[in-house]
Amino acid sequence: MDMKAVVSSTGLMLLFAWLSPSQALYFHIGETEKKCFIEEIPDETMVIGRYKTQLWDKQTGSFLPSTPGLGMHVEIKDPDAKIILSRQYGSDGRFTFTSHTPGEHQICLHSNSTKMALFAGGKLRVHLDIQVGEHTNNYPEIAAKDKLTELQLRVRQLLDQVEQIQKEQNYQRYREERFRMTSESTNQRVLWWSIAQTFILIITGIWQMRHLKSFFEAKKLV
């Protein structure tokens, strides 16, 4: 999985990643800093995120488990910038949402600044794990609940994987269609701009010819 992170002047980090079954990472966050991640997700796909925070301890020079009073705010936006989740969690948390629109979903986390103020110059390390699609299912729990045999459980996993593959294929077709529409729109604009340039050149040429003709007639050269 290829991922790249861009940090803006305000400390906002955008991480663009291709859709993957599961991805785990950690990042550092300041007192008022906000971190955002962008995930490309098909429609009707469940996403589960788990995070754990550690607070920098100056005495030991290392990151230690955060105090329970330290909170994190999680906000999720869909491709239309509509907020589908906005909630305050504790130092360790788990959030879940289901996509209803295919495209780039923005996942933002920021610390509880009032609690962070207790730690002057405090810095947090946040471990984040995001799971998408069938990988959000707890198959041992499903097997125990539905009393499935090993073979039945394996068939269930394969069916879930096939369903997720179909969703990803539909999303890729959706992206290709949007790209094609954008390309056609760009080509049309280029065509009309070329026609406009040609028309302007013709009008300019006619005006120059008439102007030169009038100039030569005034000078009695023709």
C-alpha atoms as a PDB file:
ATOM      1  CA  MET A   1       0.000   0.000   0.000  1.00  0.00           C
ATOM      2  CA  ASP A   2       1.371   3.373  -1.077  1.00  0.00           C
ATOM      3  CA  MET A   3       0.650   6.267   1.234  1.00  0.00           C
ATOM      4  CA  LYS A   4       1.883   9.840   1.408  1.00  0.00           C
ATOM      5  CA  ALA A   5       1.328  12.502   4.014  1.00  0.00           C
ATOM      6  CA  VAL A   6       1.177  16.236   3.494  1.00  0.00           C
ATOM      7  CA  VAL A   7       1.415  18.600   6.468  1.00  0.00           C
ATOM      8  CA  SER A   8      -0.122  22.054   5.966  1.00  0.00           C
ATOM      9  CA  SER A   9       0.960  25.271   7.650  1.00  0.00           C
ATOM     10  CA  THR A  10      -1.807  24.852  10.245  1.00  0.00           C
ATOM     11  CA  GLY A  11      -0.612  21.398  11.166  1.00  0.00           C
ATOM     12  CA  LEU A  12      -3.355  19.617   9.227  1.00  0.00           C
ATOM     13  CA  MET A  13      -2.011  16.385   7.790  1.00  0.00           C
ATOM     14  CA  LEU A  14      -3.741  14.661   4.912  1.00  0.00           C
ATOM     15  CA  LEU A  15      -2.849  11.063   4.272  1.00  0.00           C
ATOM     16  CA  PHE A  16      -3.969   9.749   0.903  1.00  0.00           C
ATOM     17  CA  ALA A  17      -4.149   5.976   0.729  1.00  0.00           C
ATOM     18  CA  TRP A  18      -5.548   3.411  -1.629  1.00  0.00           C
ATOM     19  CA  LEU A  19      -8.253   1.308  -0.075  1.00  0.00           C
ATOM     20  CA  SER A  20      -6.739  -1.586   1.854  1.00  0.00           C
ATOM     21  CA  PRO A  21      -8.209  -4.218   4.143  1.00  0.00           C
ATOM     22  CA  SER A  22      -6.393  -2.926   7.220  1.00  0.00           C
ATOM     23  CA  GLN A  23      -3.789  -0.296   7.903  1.00  0.00           C
ATOM     24  CA  ALA A  24      -2.071   0.563  11.167  1.00  0.00           C
ATOM     25  CA  LEU A  25       0.124   3.584  11.811  1.00  0.00           C
ATOM     26  CA  TYR A  26       1.043   6.049  14.502  1.00  0.00           C
ATOM     27  CA  PHE A  27       1.560   9.792  14.456  1.00  0.00           C
ATOM     28  CA  HIS A  28       2.360  12.604  16.870  1.00  0.00           C
ATOM     29  CA  ILE A  29      -0.102  15.338  17.692  1.00  0.00           C
ATOM     30  CA  GLY A  30       0.273  18.601  19.600  1.00  0.00           C
ATOM     31  CA  GLU A  31      -2.107  20.309  22.014  1.00  0.00           C
ATOM     32  CA  THR A  32      -4.301  22.068  19.446  1.00  0.00           C
ATOM     33  CA  GLU A  33      -3.212  20.121  16.397  1.00  0.00           C
ATOM     34  CA  LYS A  34      -5.661  18.345  14.113  1.00  0.00           C
ATOM     35  CA  LYS A  35      -4.805  15.331  11.989  1.00  0.00           C
ATOM     36  CA  CYS A  36      -6.920  14.253   9.044  1.00  0.00           C
ATOM     37  CA  PHE A  37      -6.749  11.119   6.924  1.00  0.00           C
ATOM     38  CA  ILE A  38      -8.428  10.519   3.592  1.00  0.00           C
ATOM     39  CA  GLU A  39      -9.680   7.042   2.745  1.00  0.00           C
ATOM     40  CA  GLU A  40     -11.100   6.021  -0.614  1.00  0.00           C
ATOM     41  CA  ILE A  41     -14.027   3.772   0.297  1.00  0.00           C
ATOM     42  CA  PRO A  42     -16.738   2.103  -1.829  1.00  0.00           C
ATOM     43  CA  ASP A  43     -20.363   2.665  -0.915  1.00  0.00           C
ATOM     44  CA  GLU A  44     -22.159   0.575   1.710  1.00  0.00           C
ATOM     45  CA  THR A  45     -18.853  -0.461   3.293  1.00  0.00           C
ATOM     46  CA  MET A  46     -18.256  -0.702   7.017  1.00  0.00           C
ATOM     47  CA  VAL A  47     -15.148   0.910   8.483  1.00  0.00           C
ATOM     48  CA  ILE A  48     -13.831   0.354  11.997  1.00  0.00           C
ATOM     49  CA  GLY A  49     -11.119   2.516  13.516  1.00  0.00           C
ATOM     50  CA  ARG A  50      -9.288   1.834  16.758  1.00  0.00           C
ATOM     51  CA  TYR A  51      -6.809   4.178  18.383  1.00  0.00           C
ATOM     52  CA  LYS A  52      -4.623   4.297  21.472  1.00  0.00           C
ATOM     53  CA  THR A  53      -2.836   7.362  22.815  1.00  0.00           C
ATOM     54  CA  GLN A  54       0.462   7.734  24.636  1.00  0.00           C
ATOM     55  CA  LEU A  55       1.652  10.907  26.351  1.00  0.00           C
ATOM     56  CA  TRP A  56       5.255  12.119  26.233  1.00  0.00           C
ATOM     57  CA  ASP A  57       6.900  11.984  29.649  1.00  0.00           C
ATOM     58  CA  LYS A  58       9.833  14.370  30.089  1.00  0.00           C
ATOM     59  CA  GLN A  59      11.228  12.557  33.115  1.00  0.00           C
ATOM     60  CA  THR A  60      11.559   9.162  31.450  1.00  0.00           C
ATOM     61  CA  GLY A  61      12.065  10.580  27.959  1.00  0.00           C
ATOM     62  CA  SER A  62       9.515   8.211  26.467  1.00  0.00           C
ATOM     63  CA  PHE A  63       5.836   7.857  25.665  1.00  0.00           C
ATOM     64  CA  LEU A  64       3.667   6.412  28.446  1.00  0.00           C
ATOM     65  CA  PRO A  65      -0.019   5.376  28.467  1.00  0.00           C
ATOM     66  CA  SER A  66      -2.248   8.455  28.644  1.00  0.00           C
ATOM     67  CA  THR A  67      -4.406   9.330  31.609  1.00  0.00           C
ATOM     68  CA  PRO A  68      -8.092   8.319  31.372  1.00  0.00           C
ATOM     69  CA  GLY A  69      -9.202  11.969  31.416  1.00  0.00           C
ATOM     70  CA  LEU A  70      -7.410  12.722  28.167  1.00  0.00           C
ATOM     71  CA  GLY A  71      -9.922  12.712  25.291  1.00  0.00           C
ATOM     72  CA  MET A  72      -9.866  12.573  21.505  1.00  0.00           C
ATOM     73  CA  HIS A  73     -12.505  13.993  19.189  1.00  0.00           C
ATOM     74  CA  VAL A  74     -13.228  12.031  16.008  1.00  0.00           C
ATOM     75  CA  GLU A  75     -14.992  13.563  13.017  1.00  0.00           C
ATOM     76  CA  ILE A  76     -15.850  11.756   9.781  1.00  0.00           C
ATOM     77  CA  LYS A  77     -16.909  13.494   6.554  1.00  0.00           C
ATOM     78  CA  ASP A  78     -18.173  11.849   3.380  1.00  0.00           C
ATOM     79  CA  PRO A  79     -17.134  12.865  -0.173  1.00  0.00           C
ATOM     80  CA  ASP A  80     -19.826  15.572  -0.117  1.00  0.00           C
ATOM     81  CA  ALA A  81     -18.252  17.083   3.037  1.00  0.00           C
ATOM     82  CA  LYS A  82     -21.270  15.980   5.071  1.00  0.00           C
ATOM     83  CA  ILE A  83     -20.446  15.047   8.672  1.00  0.00           C
ATOM     84  CA  ILE A  84     -21.476  11.446   9.312  1.00  0.00           C
ATOM     85  CA  LEU A  85     -19.774  11.084  12.699  1.00  0.00           C
ATOM     86  CA  SER A  86     -18.663  13.621  15.294  1.00  0.00           C
ATOM     87  CA  ARG A  87     -18.016  12.333  18.775  1.00  0.00           C
ATOM     88  CA  GLN A  88     -15.759  12.720  21.778  1.00  0.00           C
ATOM     89  CA  TYR A  89     -13.912   9.582  22.926  1.00  0.00           C
ATOM     90  CA  GLY A  90     -11.470   8.748  25.684  1.00  0.00           C
ATOM     91  CA  SER A  91      -7.719   8.202  25.568  1.00  0.00           C
ATOM     92  CA  ASP A  92      -8.355   4.830  23.875  1.00  0.00           C
ATOM     93  CA  GLY A  93     -11.325   4.380  21.610  1.00  0.00           C
ATOM     94  CA  ARG A  94     -13.111   2.626  18.785  1.00  0.00           C
ATOM     95  CA  PHE A  95     -15.292   4.267  16.144  1.00  0.00           C
ATOM     96  CA  THR A  96     -17.454   2.724  13.441  1.00  0.00           C
ATOM     97  CA  PHE A  97     -19.233   4.096  10.389  1.00  0.00           C
ATOM     98  CA  THR A  98     -20.703   2.842   7.126  1.00  0.00           C
ATOM     99  CA  SER A  99     -20.116   4.660   3.863  1.00  0.00           C
ATOM    100  CA  HIS A 100     -23.195   5.513   1.802  1.00  0.00           C
ATOM    101  CA  THR A 101     -21.394   7.454  -0.932  1.00  0.00           C
ATOM    102  CA  PRO A 102     -18.330   6.118  -2.782  1.00  0.00           C
ATOM    103  CA  GLY A 103     -15.238   8.278  -2.722  1.00  0.00           C
ATOM    104  CA  GLU A 104     -12.829  10.005  -0.390  1.00  0.00           C
ATOM    105  CA  HIS A 105     -13.878  10.029   3.255  1.00  0.00           C
ATOM    106  CA  GLN A 106     -12.056  12.366   5.639  1.00  0.00           C
ATOM    107  CA  ILE A 107     -11.234  11.053   9.110  1.00  0.00           C
ATOM    108  CA  CYS A 108     -10.073  13.768  11.516  1.00  0.00           C
ATOM    109  CA  LEU A 109      -8.785  13.429  15.081  1.00  0.00           C
ATOM    110  CA  HIS A 110      -7.777  16.136  17.519  1.00  0.00           C
ATOM    111  CA  SER A 111      -7.007  16.144  21.214  1.00  0.00           C
ATOM    112  CA  ASN A 112      -9.029  17.565  24.057  1.00  0.00           C
ATOM    113  CA  SER A 113      -7.119  20.839  24.439  1.00  0.00           C
ATOM    114  CA  THR A 114      -8.490  21.586  27.922  1.00  0.00           C
ATOM    115  CA  LYS A 115      -7.012  18.354  29.199  1.00  0.00           C
ATOM    116  CA  MET A 116      -3.799  18.796  27.240  1.00  0.00           C
ATOM    117  CA  ALA A 117      -3.325  22.169  28.949  1.00  0.00           C
ATOM    118  CA  LEU A 118      -2.520  20.228  32.103  1.00  0.00           C
ATOM    119  CA  PHE A 119       0.652  19.061  30.390  1.00  0.00           C
ATOM    120  CA  ALA A 120       2.602  22.133  29.330  1.00  0.00           C
ATOM    121  CA  GLY A 121       4.185  21.428  25.997  1.00  0.00           C
ATOM    122  CA  GLY A 122       2.601  17.966  26.007  1.00  0.00           C
ATOM    123  CA  LYS A 123       2.800  15.786  22.929  1.00  0.00           C
ATOM    124  CA  LEU A 124       0.703  12.750  22.128  1.00  0.00           C
ATOM    125  CA  ARG A 125       1.516   9.673  20.108  1.00  0.00           C
ATOM    126  CA  VAL A 126      -1.614   8.189  18.576  1.00  0.00           C
ATOM    127  CA  HIS A 127      -1.670   4.611  17.300  1.00  0.00           C
ATOM    128  CA  LEU A 128      -4.422   4.259  14.700  1.00  0.00           C
ATOM    129  CA  ASP A 129      -5.709   1.069  13.090  1.00  0.00           C
ATOM    130  CA  ILE A 130      -8.343   1.279  10.338  1.00  0.00           C
ATOM    131  CA  GLN A 131     -10.122  -1.800   9.020  1.00  0.00           C
ATOM    132  CA  VAL A 132     -12.346  -1.772   5.945  1.00  0.00           C
ATOM    133  CA  GLY A 133     -14.943  -4.141   4.546  1.00  0.00           C
ATOM    134  CA  GLU A 134     -15.040  -7.800   5.477  1.00  0.00           C
ATOM    135  CA  HIS A 135     -11.975  -7.346   7.676  1.00  0.00           C
ATOM    136  CA  THR A 136     -14.196  -5.569  10.194  1.00  0.00           C
ATOM    137  CA  ASN A 137     -15.950  -8.882  10.905  1.00  0.00           C
ATOM    138  CA  ASN A 138     -14.999 -10.855  13.997  1.00  0.00           C
ATOM    139  CA  TYR A 139     -15.226 -14.335  12.497  1.00  0.00           C
ATOM    140  CA  PRO A 140     -14.479 -16.305  15.682  1.00  0.00           C
ATOM    141  CA  GLU A 141     -17.368 -14.457  17.340  1.00  0.00           C
ATOM    142  CA  ILE A 142     -19.622 -15.079  14.327  1.00  0.00           C
ATOM    143  CA  ALA A 143     -18.734 -18.786  14.333  1.00  0.00           C
ATOM    144  CA  ALA A 144     -19.530 -19.084  18.034  1.00  0.00           C
ATOM    145  CA  LYS A 145     -22.795 -17.147  17.733  1.00  0.00           C
ATOM    146  CA  ASP A 146     -24.130 -18.969  14.647  1.00  0.00           C
ATOM    147  CA  LYS A 147     -22.523 -22.316  15.588  1.00  0.00           C
ATOM    148  CA  LEU A 148     -20.696 -22.611  12.279  1.00  0.00           C
ATOM    149  CA  THR A 149     -18.298 -25.388  11.412  1.00  0.00           C
ATOM    150  CA  GLU A 150     -14.831 -24.585  10.129  1.00  0.00           C
ATOM    151  CA  LEU A 151     -15.952 -25.223   6.555  1.00  0.00           C
ATOM    152  CA  GLN A 152     -19.067 -23.081   6.940  1.00  0.00           C
ATOM    153  CA  LEU A 153     -17.000 -20.285   8.442  1.00  0.00           C
ATOM    154  CA  ARG A 154     -14.547 -20.444   5.560  1.00  0.00           C
ATOM    155  CA  VAL A 155     -17.422 -20.257   3.053  1.00  0.00           C
ATOM    156  CA  ARG A 156     -18.788 -17.237   4.945  1.00  0.00           C
ATOM    157  CA  GLN A 157     -15.387 -15.541   4.724  1.00  0.00           C
ATOM    158  CA  LEU A 158     -15.134 -16.238   0.987  1.00  0.00           C
ATOM    159  CA  LEU A 159     -18.626 -14.848   0.370  1.00  0.00           C
ATOM    160  CA  ASP A 160     -17.761 -11.691   2.300  1.00  0.00           C
ATOM    161  CA  GLN A 161     -14.534 -11.331   0.325  1.00  0.00           C
ATOM    162  CA  VAL A 162     -16.387 -11.744  -2.988  1.00  0.00           C
ATOM    163  CA  GLU A 163     -18.918  -9.113  -1.913  1.00  0.00           C
ATOM    164  CA  GLN A 164     -16.130  -6.694  -0.987  1.00  0.00           C
ATOM    165  CA  ILE A 165     -14.367  -7.316  -4.309  1.00  0.00           C
ATOM    166  CA  GLN A 166     -17.600  -6.509  -6.146  1.00  0.00           C
ATOM    167  CA  LYS A 167     -17.917  -3.258  -4.188  1.00  0.00           C
ATOM    168  CA  GLU A 168     -14.331  -2.315  -5.023  1.00  0.00           C
ATOM    169  CA  GLN A 169     -14.901  -3.112  -8.712  1.00  0.00           C
ATOM    170  CA  ASN A 170     -18.038  -0.965  -8.722  1.00  0.00           C
ATOM    171  CA  TYR A 171     -16.062   1.838  -7.095  1.00  0.00           C
ATOM    172  CA  GLN A 172     -13.313   1.571  -9.702  1.00  0.00           C
ATOM    173  CA  ARG A 173     -15.937   1.766 -12.456  1.00  0.00           C
ATOM    174  CA  TYR A 174     -17.391   4.816 -10.696  1.00  0.00           C
ATOM    175  CA  ARG A 175     -13.946   6.462 -10.608  1.00  0.00           C
ATOM    176  CA  GLU A 176     -13.343   5.627 -14.284  1.00  0.00           C
ATOM    177  CA  GLU A 177     -16.701   7.142 -15.220  1.00  0.00           C
ATOM    178  CA  ARG A 178     -15.938  10.337 -13.304  1.00  0.00           C
ATOM    179  CA  PHE A 179     -12.489  10.516 -14.921  1.00  0.00           C
ATOM    180  CA  ARG A 180     -14.022  10.008 -18.365  1.00  0.00           C
ATOM    181  CA  MET A 181     -16.582  12.750 -17.744  1.00  0.00           C
ATOM    182  CA  THR A 182     -13.834  15.088 -16.548  1.00  0.00           C
ATOM    183  CA  SER A 183     -11.707  14.288 -19.603  1.00  0.00           C
ATOM    184  CA  GLU A 184     -14.619  14.863 -21.976  1.00  0.00           C
ATOM    185  CA  SER A 185     -15.449  18.150 -20.281  1.00  0.00           C
ATOM    186  CA  THR A 186     -11.807  19.267 -20.489  1.00  0.00           C
ATOM    187  CA  ASN A 187     -11.551  18.262 -24.155  1.00  0.00           C
ATOM    188  CA  GLN A 188     -14.743  20.159 -24.949  1.00  0.00           C
ATOM    189  CA  ARG A 189     -13.459  23.278 -23.233  1.00  0.00           C
ATOM    190  CA  VAL A 190     -10.154  23.019 -25.100  1.00  0.00           C
ATOM    191  CA  LEU A 191     -12.060  22.638 -28.375  1.00  0.00           C
ATOM    192  CA  TRP A 192     -14.206  25.697 -27.750  1.00  0.00           C
ATOM    193  CA  TRP A 193     -11.150  27.684 -26.653  1.00  0.00           C
ATOM    194  CA  SER A 194      -9.364  26.719 -29.875  1.00  0.00           C
ATOM    195  CA  ILE A 195     -12.400  27.770 -31.917  1.00  0.00           C
ATOM    196  CA  ALA A 196     -12.553  31.069 -30.033  1.00  0.00           C
ATOM    197  CA  GLN A 197      -8.842  31.683 -30.653  1.00  0.00           C
ATOM    198  CA  THR A 198      -9.251  30.933 -34.355  1.00  0.00           C
ATOM    199  CA  PHE A 199     -12.240  33.270 -34.579  1.00  0.00           C
ATOM    200  CA  ILE A 200     -10.318  36.044 -32.814  1.00  0.00           C
ATOM    201  CA  LEU A 201      -7.338  35.583 -35.156  1.00  0.00           C
ATOM    202  CA  ILE A 202      -9.604  35.772 -38.220  1.00  0.00           C
ATOM    203  CA  ILE A 203     -11.334  38.928 -36.944  1.00  0.00           C
ATOM    204  CA  THR A 204      -7.946  40.472 -36.090  1.00  0.00           C
ATOM    205  CA  GLY A 205      -6.595  39.617 -39.556  1.00  0.00           C
ATOM    206  CA  ILE A 206      -9.615  41.139 -41.295  1.00  0.00           C
ATOM    207  CA  TRP A 207      -9.341  44.293 -39.173  1.00  0.00           C
ATOM    208  CA  GLN A 208      -5.614  44.606 -39.929  1.00  0.00           C
ATOM    209  CA  MET A 209      -6.208  44.173 -43.667  1.00  0.00           C
ATOM    210  CA  ARG A 210      -8.926  46.854 -43.698  1.00  0.00           C
ATOM    211  CA  HIS A 211      -6.776  49.159 -41.582  1.00  0.00           C
ATOM    212  CA  LEU A 212      -3.780  48.745 -43.906  1.00  0.00           C
ATOM    213  CA  LYS A 213      -5.979  49.275 -46.954  1.00  0.00           C
ATOM    214  CA  SER A 214      -7.345  52.499 -45.470  1.00  0.00           C
ATOM    215  CA  PHE A 215      -3.792  53.595 -44.605  1.00  0.00           C
ATOM    216  CA  PHE A 216      -2.476  52.993 -48.144  1.00  0.00           C
ATOM    217  CA  GLU A 217      -5.514  54.709 -49.689  1.00  0.00           C
ATOM    218  CA  ALA A 218      -4.980  57.728 -47.442  1.00  0.00           C
ATOM    219  CA  LYS A 219      -1.330  57.868 -48.526  1.00  0.00           C
ATOM    220  CA  LYS A 220      -2.454  57.399 -52.151  1.00  0.00           C
ATOM    221  CA  LEU A 221      -0.191  54.374 -52.487  1.00  0.00           C
ATOM    222  CA  VAL A 222      -2.944  52.291 -54.066  1.00  0.00           C
END
